[in-house]
Amino acid sequence: MPRKGADILVEALERLSSSIIRNILPRHEQGGVFAAEGYACSSALPGVCITSSSPGATNLVTGLTNAMRDSVPLGCSHYGSSPTKNDWH
């Protein structure tokens, strides 16, 4: 998902885009995780989903739970900034 700070990641994936890696930008994290699950089911290859941290990561929960219950190979990761001393109150 294109979010704050994701431009570098998205651009890197676009440069690597080939027959091995196909980068698809969904409109919402839930759509992305379900698309990754559908890919895994239809191709017999693992689906991969990357999202932003915090709310973006929580939007993956339903799709991850569904994939786990159906034994679908799915890998998910989130990115975001590391906490700084100003982030802790």
PDB file of N, CA and C in Angstrom:
ATOM      1  N   MET A   1       0.826  -1.169   0.000  1.00  0.00           N
ATOM      2  CA  MET A   1       0.000   0.000   0.000  1.00  0.00           C
ATOM      3  C   MET A   1       0.881   1.247   0.000  1.00  0.00           C
ATOM      4  N   PRO A   2       0.637   2.167  -0.897  1.00  0.00           N
ATOM      5  CA  PRO A   2       1.430   3.388  -0.891  1.00  0.00           C
ATOM      6  C   PRO A   2       1.031   4.290   0.267  1.00  0.00           C
ATOM      7  N   ARG A   3       1.895   4.439   1.208  1.00  0.00           N
ATOM      8  CA  ARG A   3       1.662   5.275   2.384  1.00  0.00           C
ATOM      9  C   ARG A   3       2.900   6.117   2.627  1.00  0.00           C
ATOM     10  N   LYS A   4       2.841   6.897   3.661  1.00  0.00           N
ATOM     11  CA  LYS A   4       3.964   7.740   4.043  1.00  0.00           C
ATOM     12  C   LYS A   4       5.222   6.885   4.190  1.00  0.00           C
ATOM     13  N   GLY A   5       6.251   7.247   3.474  1.00  0.00           N
ATOM     14  CA  GLY A   5       7.514   6.534   3.564  1.00  0.00           C
ATOM     15  C   GLY A   5       7.602   5.303   2.702  1.00  0.00           C
ATOM     16  N   ALA A   6       6.557   4.976   1.958  1.00  0.00           N
ATOM     17  CA  ALA A   6       6.551   3.758   1.155  1.00  0.00           C
ATOM     18  C   ALA A   6       7.085   3.975  -0.245  1.00  0.00           C
ATOM     19  N   ASP A   7       7.307   5.210  -0.633  1.00  0.00           N
ATOM     20  CA  ASP A   7       7.719   5.482  -2.011  1.00  0.00           C
ATOM     21  C   ASP A   7       8.979   4.735  -2.403  1.00  0.00           C
ATOM     22  N   ILE A   8       9.947   4.671  -1.503  1.00  0.00           N
ATOM     23  CA  ILE A   8      11.206   3.992  -1.815  1.00  0.00           C
ATOM     24  C   ILE A   8      10.958   2.504  -2.022  1.00  0.00           C
ATOM     25  N   LEU A   9      10.141   1.896  -1.159  1.00  0.00           N
ATOM     26  CA  LEU A   9       9.830   0.479  -1.287  1.00  0.00           C
ATOM     27  C   LEU A   9       9.073   0.195  -2.579  1.00  0.00           C
ATOM     28  N   VAL A  10       8.078   1.002  -2.883  1.00  0.00           N
ATOM     29  CA  VAL A  10       7.284   0.809  -4.099  1.00  0.00           C
ATOM     30  C   VAL A  10       8.159   0.968  -5.347  1.00  0.00           C
ATOM     31  N   GLU A  11       9.016   1.980  -5.354  1.00  0.00           N
ATOM     32  CA  GLU A  11       9.910   2.179  -6.507  1.00  0.00           C
ATOM     33  C   GLU A  11      10.881   1.021  -6.667  1.00  0.00           C
ATOM     34  N   ALA A  12      11.403   0.499  -5.569  1.00  0.00           N
ATOM     35  CA  ALA A  12      12.316  -0.644  -5.644  1.00  0.00           C
ATOM     36  C   ALA A  12      11.602  -1.875  -6.192  1.00  0.00           C
ATOM     37  N   LEU A  13      10.377  -2.114  -5.759  1.00  0.00           N
ATOM     38  CA  LEU A  13       9.622  -3.247  -6.276  1.00  0.00           C
ATOM     39  C   LEU A  13       9.299  -3.077  -7.755  1.00  0.00           C
ATOM     40  N   GLU A  14       9.022  -1.848  -8.177  1.00  0.00           N
ATOM     41  CA  GLU A  14       8.760  -1.598  -9.599  1.00  0.00           C
ATOM     42  C   GLU A  14      10.003  -1.886 -10.442  1.00  0.00           C
ATOM     43  N   ARG A  15      11.177  -1.521  -9.926  1.00  0.00           N
ATOM     44  CA  ARG A  15      12.418  -1.795 -10.662  1.00  0.00           C
ATOM     45  C   ARG A  15      12.691  -3.290 -10.743  1.00  0.00           C
ATOM     46  N   LEU A  16      12.317  -4.024  -9.693  1.00  0.00           N
ATOM     47  CA  LEU A  16      12.534  -5.469  -9.675  1.00  0.00           C
ATOM     48  C   LEU A  16      11.433  -6.232 -10.390  1.00  0.00           C
ATOM     49  N   SER A  17      10.385  -5.531 -10.770  1.00  0.00           N
ATOM     50  CA  SER A  17       9.236  -6.186 -11.383  1.00  0.00           C
ATOM     51  C   SER A  17       9.671  -6.958 -12.626  1.00  0.00           C
ATOM     52  N   SER A  18       9.371  -8.231 -12.610  1.00  0.00           N
ATOM     53  CA  SER A  18       9.725  -9.098 -13.728  1.00  0.00           C
ATOM     54  C   SER A  18       8.781 -10.294 -13.694  1.00  0.00           C
ATOM     55  N   SER A  19       9.170 -11.357 -14.346  1.00  0.00           N
ATOM     56  CA  SER A  19       8.337 -12.555 -14.307  1.00  0.00           C
ATOM     57  C   SER A  19       8.403 -13.216 -12.930  1.00  0.00           C
ATOM     58  N   ILE A  20       9.395 -12.868 -12.117  1.00  0.00           N
ATOM     59  CA  ILE A  20       9.518 -13.457 -10.783  1.00  0.00           C
ATOM     60  C   ILE A  20       8.704 -12.669  -9.760  1.00  0.00           C
ATOM     61  N   ILE A  21       8.796 -11.357  -9.790  1.00  0.00           N
ATOM     62  CA  ILE A  21       8.090 -10.509  -8.834  1.00  0.00           C
ATOM     63  C   ILE A  21       7.074  -9.663  -9.581  1.00  0.00           C
ATOM     64  N   ARG A  22       5.829  -9.740  -9.155  1.00  0.00           N
ATOM     65  CA  ARG A  22       4.785  -8.907  -9.744  1.00  0.00           C
ATOM     66  C   ARG A  22       4.220  -8.030  -8.639  1.00  0.00           C
ATOM     67  N   ASN A  23       4.379  -6.741  -8.784  1.00  0.00           N
ATOM     68  CA  ASN A  23       3.945  -5.781  -7.784  1.00  0.00           C
ATOM     69  C   ASN A  23       2.554  -5.262  -8.138  1.00  0.00           C
ATOM     70  N   ILE A  24       1.605  -5.449  -7.222  1.00  0.00           N
ATOM     71  CA  ILE A  24       0.244  -4.970  -7.422  1.00  0.00           C
ATOM     72  C   ILE A  24      -0.101  -4.069  -6.242  1.00  0.00           C
ATOM     73  N   LEU A  25      -0.540  -2.845  -6.512  1.00  0.00           N
ATOM     74  CA  LEU A  25      -0.906  -1.912  -5.448  1.00  0.00           C
ATOM     75  C   LEU A  25      -2.416  -1.885  -5.273  1.00  0.00           C
ATOM     76  N   PRO A  26      -2.931  -2.501  -4.203  1.00  0.00           N
ATOM     77  CA  PRO A  26      -4.374  -2.478  -3.974  1.00  0.00           C
ATOM     78  C   PRO A  26      -4.815  -1.152  -3.361  1.00  0.00           C
ATOM     79  N   ARG A  27      -6.098  -0.923  -3.320  1.00  0.00           N
ATOM     80  CA  ARG A  27      -6.637   0.300  -2.721  1.00  0.00           C
ATOM     81  C   ARG A  27      -6.702   0.220  -1.198  1.00  0.00           C
ATOM     82  N   HIS A  28      -6.721  -1.003  -0.671  1.00  0.00           N
ATOM     83  CA  HIS A  28      -6.861  -1.189   0.765  1.00  0.00           C
ATOM     84  C   HIS A  28      -6.090  -2.440   1.188  1.00  0.00           C
ATOM     85  N   GLU A  29      -5.618  -2.452   2.414  1.00  0.00           N
ATOM     86  CA  GLU A  29      -4.822  -3.571   2.911  1.00  0.00           C
ATOM     87  C   GLU A  29      -5.600  -4.884   2.872  1.00  0.00           C
ATOM     88  N   GLN A  30      -6.880  -4.847   3.232  1.00  0.00           N
ATOM     89  CA  GLN A  30      -7.669  -6.083   3.209  1.00  0.00           C
ATOM     90  C   GLN A  30      -7.771  -6.645   1.797  1.00  0.00           C
ATOM     91  N   GLY A  31      -7.949  -5.766   0.829  1.00  0.00           N
ATOM     92  CA  GLY A  31      -7.972  -6.221  -0.559  1.00  0.00           C
ATOM     93  C   GLY A  31      -6.649  -6.845  -0.954  1.00  0.00           C
ATOM     94  N   GLY A  32      -5.557  -6.272  -0.463  1.00  0.00           N
ATOM     95  CA  GLY A  32      -4.231  -6.804  -0.776  1.00  0.00           C
ATOM     96  C   GLY A  32      -3.994  -8.180  -0.191  1.00  0.00           C
ATOM     97  N   VAL A  33      -4.395  -8.378   1.063  1.00  0.00           N
ATOM     98  CA  VAL A  33      -4.156  -9.678   1.688  1.00  0.00           C
ATOM     99  C   VAL A  33      -5.051 -10.748   1.059  1.00  0.00           C
ATOM    100  N   PHE A  34      -6.282 -10.394   0.709  1.00  0.00           N
ATOM    101  CA  PHE A  34      -7.142 -11.380   0.060  1.00  0.00           C
ATOM    102  C   PHE A  34      -6.677 -11.666  -1.368  1.00  0.00           C
ATOM    103  N   ALA A  35      -6.109 -10.670  -2.047  1.00  0.00           N
ATOM    104  CA  ALA A  35      -5.537 -10.914  -3.380  1.00  0.00           C
ATOM    105  C   ALA A  35      -4.339 -11.851  -3.277  1.00  0.00           C
ATOM    106  N   ALA A  36      -3.502 -11.643  -2.253  1.00  0.00           N
ATOM    107  CA  ALA A  36      -2.346 -12.524  -2.051  1.00  0.00           C
ATOM    108  C   ALA A  36      -2.814 -13.942  -1.739  1.00  0.00           C
ATOM    109  N   GLU A  37      -3.876 -14.065  -0.955  1.00  0.00           N
ATOM    110  CA  GLU A  37      -4.423 -15.395  -0.653  1.00  0.00           C
ATOM    111  C   GLU A  37      -4.973 -16.057  -1.921  1.00  0.00           C
ATOM    112  N   GLY A  38      -5.705 -15.289  -2.718  1.00  0.00           N
ATOM    113  CA  GLY A  38      -6.229 -15.832  -3.971  1.00  0.00           C
ATOM    114  C   GLY A  38      -5.124 -16.271  -4.915  1.00  0.00           C
ATOM    115  N   TYR A  39      -4.049 -15.482  -4.968  1.00  0.00           N
ATOM    116  CA  TYR A  39      -2.901 -15.861  -5.801  1.00  0.00           C
ATOM    117  C   TYR A  39      -2.312 -17.180  -5.320  1.00  0.00           C
ATOM    118  N   ALA A  40      -2.152 -17.299  -3.992  1.00  0.00           N
ATOM    119  CA  ALA A  40      -1.575 -18.525  -3.441  1.00  0.00           C
ATOM    120  C   ALA A  40      -2.457 -19.735  -3.732  1.00  0.00           C
ATOM    121  N   CYS A  41      -3.757 -19.566  -3.640  1.00  0.00           N
ATOM    122  CA  CYS A  41      -4.673 -20.678  -3.913  1.00  0.00           C
ATOM    123  C   CYS A  41      -4.654 -21.095  -5.382  1.00  0.00           C
ATOM    124  N   SER A  42      -4.588 -20.132  -6.261  1.00  0.00           N
ATOM    125  CA  SER A  42      -4.684 -20.443  -7.690  1.00  0.00           C
ATOM    126  C   SER A  42      -3.365 -20.829  -8.334  1.00  0.00           C
ATOM    127  N   SER A  43      -2.236 -20.451  -7.731  1.00  0.00           N
ATOM    128  CA  SER A  43      -0.945 -20.719  -8.371  1.00  0.00           C
ATOM    129  C   SER A  43      -0.116 -21.778  -7.667  1.00  0.00           C
ATOM    130  N   ALA A  44      -0.498 -22.182  -6.480  1.00  0.00           N
ATOM    131  CA  ALA A  44       0.276 -23.111  -5.650  1.00  0.00           C
ATOM    132  C   ALA A  44       1.629 -22.529  -5.246  1.00  0.00           C
ATOM    133  N   LEU A  45       1.766 -21.217  -5.328  1.00  0.00           N
ATOM    134  CA  LEU A  45       2.946 -20.509  -4.843  1.00  0.00           C
ATOM    135  C   LEU A  45       2.524 -19.634  -3.674  1.00  0.00           C
ATOM    136  N   PRO A  46       3.437 -19.298  -2.781  1.00  0.00           N
ATOM    137  CA  PRO A  46       3.034 -18.447  -1.655  1.00  0.00           C
ATOM    138  C   PRO A  46       2.661 -17.037  -2.110  1.00  0.00           C
ATOM    139  N   GLY A  47       1.641 -16.493  -1.494  1.00  0.00           N
ATOM    140  CA  GLY A  47       1.270 -15.105  -1.715  1.00  0.00           C
ATOM    141  C   GLY A  47       2.009 -14.233  -0.719  1.00  0.00           C
ATOM    142  N   VAL A  48       2.301 -12.999  -1.098  1.00  0.00           N
ATOM    143  CA  VAL A  48       3.035 -12.075  -0.232  1.00  0.00           C
ATOM    144  C   VAL A  48       2.295 -10.753  -0.188  1.00  0.00           C
ATOM    145  N   CYS A  49       2.229 -10.174   0.992  1.00  0.00           N
ATOM    146  CA  CYS A  49       1.561  -8.895   1.185  1.00  0.00           C
ATOM    147  C   CYS A  49       2.437  -8.016   2.069  1.00  0.00           C
ATOM    148  N   ILE A  50       2.603  -6.763   1.700  1.00  0.00           N
ATOM    149  CA  ILE A  50       3.385  -5.807   2.477  1.00  0.00           C
ATOM    150  C   ILE A  50       2.482  -4.613   2.770  1.00  0.00           C
ATOM    151  N   THR A  51       2.507  -4.148   4.003  1.00  0.00           N
ATOM    152  CA  THR A  51       1.656  -3.021   4.390  1.00  0.00           C
ATOM    153  C   THR A  51       2.387  -2.101   5.349  1.00  0.00           C
ATOM    154  N   SER A  52       1.788  -0.958   5.587  1.00  0.00           N
ATOM    155  CA  SER A  52       2.347  -0.029   6.560  1.00  0.00           C
ATOM    156  C   SER A  52       2.029  -0.522   7.961  1.00  0.00           C
ATOM    157  N   SER A  53       2.735  -0.008   8.933  1.00  0.00           N
ATOM    158  CA  SER A  53       2.494  -0.432  10.305  1.00  0.00           C
ATOM    159  C   SER A  53       1.259   0.258  10.869  1.00  0.00           C
ATOM    160  N   SER A  54       0.894  -0.097  12.064  1.00  0.00           N
ATOM    161  CA  SER A  54      -0.262   0.417  12.805  1.00  0.00           C
ATOM    162  C   SER A  54      -1.569   0.037  12.133  1.00  0.00           C
ATOM    163  N   PRO A  55      -2.414   0.987  11.692  1.00  0.00           N
ATOM    164  CA  PRO A  55      -3.710   0.597  11.133  1.00  0.00           C
ATOM    165  C   PRO A  55      -3.586  -0.300   9.909  1.00  0.00           C
ATOM    166  N   GLY A  56      -2.553  -0.082   9.122  1.00  0.00           N
ATOM    167  CA  GLY A  56      -2.372  -0.926   7.942  1.00  0.00           C
ATOM    168  C   GLY A  56      -2.163  -2.378   8.310  1.00  0.00           C
ATOM    169  N   ALA A  57      -1.392  -2.615   9.352  1.00  0.00           N
ATOM    170  CA  ALA A  57      -1.125  -3.982   9.786  1.00  0.00           C
ATOM    171  C   ALA A  57      -2.375  -4.627  10.381  1.00  0.00           C
ATOM    172  N   THR A  58      -3.180  -3.863  11.103  1.00  0.00           N
ATOM    173  CA  THR A  58      -4.387  -4.455  11.685  1.00  0.00           C
ATOM    174  C   THR A  58      -5.415  -4.805  10.618  1.00  0.00           C
ATOM    175  N   ASN A  59      -5.366  -4.154   9.480  1.00  0.00           N
ATOM    176  CA  ASN A  59      -6.285  -4.486   8.391  1.00  0.00           C
ATOM    177  C   ASN A  59      -5.962  -5.831   7.750  1.00  0.00           C
ATOM    178  N   LEU A  60      -4.795  -6.400   8.050  1.00  0.00           N
ATOM    179  CA  LEU A  60      -4.426  -7.704   7.507  1.00  0.00           C
ATOM    180  C   LEU A  60      -4.998  -8.866   8.313  1.00  0.00           C
ATOM    181  N   VAL A  61      -5.466  -8.606   9.527  1.00  0.00           N
ATOM    182  CA  VAL A  61      -5.825  -9.682  10.448  1.00  0.00           C
ATOM    183  C   VAL A  61      -6.865 -10.633   9.863  1.00  0.00           C
ATOM    184  N   THR A  62      -7.926 -10.122   9.273  1.00  0.00           N
ATOM    185  CA  THR A  62      -8.984 -10.981   8.738  1.00  0.00           C
ATOM    186  C   THR A  62      -8.445 -11.890   7.642  1.00  0.00           C
ATOM    187  N   GLY A  63      -7.680 -11.330   6.708  1.00  0.00           N
ATOM    188  CA  GLY A  63      -7.124 -12.137   5.622  1.00  0.00           C
ATOM    189  C   GLY A  63      -6.108 -13.156   6.103  1.00  0.00           C
ATOM    190  N   LEU A  64      -5.276 -12.770   7.070  1.00  0.00           N
ATOM    191  CA  LEU A  64      -4.295 -13.712   7.618  1.00  0.00           C
ATOM    192  C   LEU A  64      -4.986 -14.860   8.345  1.00  0.00           C
ATOM    193  N   THR A  65      -6.030 -14.536   9.097  1.00  0.00           N
ATOM    194  CA  THR A  65      -6.780 -15.580   9.805  1.00  0.00           C
ATOM    195  C   THR A  65      -7.437 -16.533   8.818  1.00  0.00           C
ATOM    196  N   ASN A  66      -8.015 -15.991   7.774  1.00  0.00           N
ATOM    197  CA  ASN A  66      -8.651 -16.815   6.753  1.00  0.00           C
ATOM    198  C   ASN A  66      -7.625 -17.729   6.084  1.00  0.00           C
ATOM    199  N   ALA A  67      -6.475 -17.188   5.741  1.00  0.00           N
ATOM    200  CA  ALA A  67      -5.431 -17.993   5.100  1.00  0.00           C
ATOM    201  C   ALA A  67      -4.933 -19.087   6.043  1.00  0.00           C
ATOM    202  N   MET A  68      -4.771 -18.750   7.315  1.00  0.00           N
ATOM    203  CA  MET A  68      -4.292 -19.735   8.281  1.00  0.00           C
ATOM    204  C   MET A  68      -5.311 -20.872   8.425  1.00  0.00           C
ATOM    205  N   ARG A  69      -6.576 -20.530   8.525  1.00  0.00           N
ATOM    206  CA  ARG A  69      -7.601 -21.566   8.700  1.00  0.00           C
ATOM    207  C   ARG A  69      -7.737 -22.454   7.467  1.00  0.00           C
ATOM    208  N   ASP A  70      -7.437 -21.899   6.294  1.00  0.00           N
ATOM    209  CA  ASP A  70      -7.520 -22.673   5.057  1.00  0.00           C
ATOM    210  C   ASP A  70      -6.184 -23.291   4.660  1.00  0.00           C
ATOM    211  N   SER A  71      -5.162 -23.132   5.491  1.00  0.00           N
ATOM    212  CA  SER A  71      -3.810 -23.663   5.226  1.00  0.00           C
ATOM    213  C   SER A  71      -3.238 -23.151   3.915  1.00  0.00           C
ATOM    214  N   VAL A  72      -3.412 -21.868   3.664  1.00  0.00           N
ATOM    215  CA  VAL A  72      -2.899 -21.223   2.455  1.00  0.00           C
ATOM    216  C   VAL A  72      -1.545 -20.592   2.778  1.00  0.00           C
ATOM    217  N   PRO A  73      -0.500 -20.861   1.968  1.00  0.00           N
ATOM    218  CA  PRO A  73       0.817 -20.268   2.239  1.00  0.00           C
ATOM    219  C   PRO A  73       0.823 -18.773   1.937  1.00  0.00           C
ATOM    220  N   LEU A  74       0.965 -17.971   2.977  1.00  0.00           N
ATOM    221  CA  LEU A  74       0.871 -16.526   2.823  1.00  0.00           C
ATOM    222  C   LEU A  74       1.906 -15.864   3.717  1.00  0.00           C
ATOM    223  N   GLY A  75       2.689 -14.967   3.153  1.00  0.00           N
ATOM    224  CA  GLY A  75       3.670 -14.214   3.929  1.00  0.00           C
ATOM    225  C   GLY A  75       3.305 -12.747   3.935  1.00  0.00           C
ATOM    226  N   CYS A  76       3.343 -12.134   5.101  1.00  0.00           N
ATOM    227  CA  CYS A  76       3.025 -10.715   5.212  1.00  0.00           C
ATOM    228  C   CYS A  76       4.096 -10.003   6.010  1.00  0.00           C
ATOM    229  N   SER A  77       4.311  -8.768   5.654  1.00  0.00           N
ATOM    230  CA  SER A  77       5.290  -7.952   6.346  1.00  0.00           C
ATOM    231  C   SER A  77       4.745  -6.532   6.431  1.00  0.00           C
ATOM    232  N   HIS A  78       5.236  -5.801   7.395  1.00  0.00           N
ATOM    233  CA  HIS A  78       4.862  -4.397   7.484  1.00  0.00           C
ATOM    234  C   HIS A  78       6.124  -3.565   7.580  1.00  0.00           C
ATOM    235  N   TYR A  79       6.024  -2.336   7.179  1.00  0.00           N
ATOM    236  CA  TYR A  79       7.141  -1.415   7.246  1.00  0.00           C
ATOM    237  C   TYR A  79       6.682  -0.174   7.975  1.00  0.00           C
ATOM    238  N   GLY A  80       7.614   0.549   8.469  1.00  0.00           N
ATOM    239  CA  GLY A  80       7.303   1.798   9.157  1.00  0.00           C
ATOM    240  C   GLY A  80       8.559   2.334   9.799  1.00  0.00           C
ATOM    241  N   SER A  81       8.441   3.467  10.410  1.00  0.00           N
ATOM    242  CA  SER A  81       9.603   4.064  11.048  1.00  0.00           C
ATOM    243  C   SER A  81       9.863   3.410  12.391  1.00  0.00           C
ATOM    244  N   SER A  82      11.100   3.358  12.775  1.00  0.00           N
ATOM    245  CA  SER A  82      11.467   2.841  14.090  1.00  0.00           C
ATOM    246  C   SER A  82      11.096   3.879  15.131  1.00  0.00           C
ATOM    247  N   PRO A  83      10.704   3.427  16.306  1.00  0.00           N
ATOM    248  CA  PRO A  83      10.356   4.406  17.346  1.00  0.00           C
ATOM    249  C   PRO A  83      11.563   5.227  17.780  1.00  0.00           C
ATOM    250  N   THR A  84      11.322   6.463  18.041  1.00  0.00           N
ATOM    251  CA  THR A  84      12.361   7.338  18.575  1.00  0.00           C
ATOM    252  C   THR A  84      11.973   7.738  19.980  1.00  0.00           C
ATOM    253  N   LYS A  85      12.866   8.392  20.680  1.00  0.00           N
ATOM    254  CA  LYS A  85      12.547   8.762  22.060  1.00  0.00           C
ATOM    255  C   LYS A  85      11.361   9.719  22.121  1.00  0.00           C
ATOM    256  N   ASN A  86      11.098  10.464  21.040  1.00  0.00           N
ATOM    257  CA  ASN A  86       9.957  11.383  21.005  1.00  0.00           C
ATOM    258  C   ASN A  86       8.635  10.660  20.816  1.00  0.00           C
ATOM    259  N   ASP A  87       8.681   9.385  20.346  1.00  0.00           N
ATOM    260  CA  ASP A  87       7.452   8.628  20.133  1.00  0.00           C
ATOM    261  C   ASP A  87       6.879   8.073  21.435  1.00  0.00           C
ATOM    262  N   TRP A  88       7.692   7.982  22.457  1.00  0.00           N
ATOM    263  CA  TRP A  88       7.249   7.416  23.743  1.00  0.00           C
ATOM    264  C   TRP A  88       6.900   8.531  24.687  1.00  0.00           C
ATOM    265  N   HIS A  89       5.683   8.534  25.156  1.00  0.00           N
ATOM    266  CA  HIS A  89       5.223   9.610  26.053  1.00  0.00           C
ATOM    267  C   HIS A  89       4.963   9.065  27.426  1.00  0.00           C
TER     268      HIS A  89
END
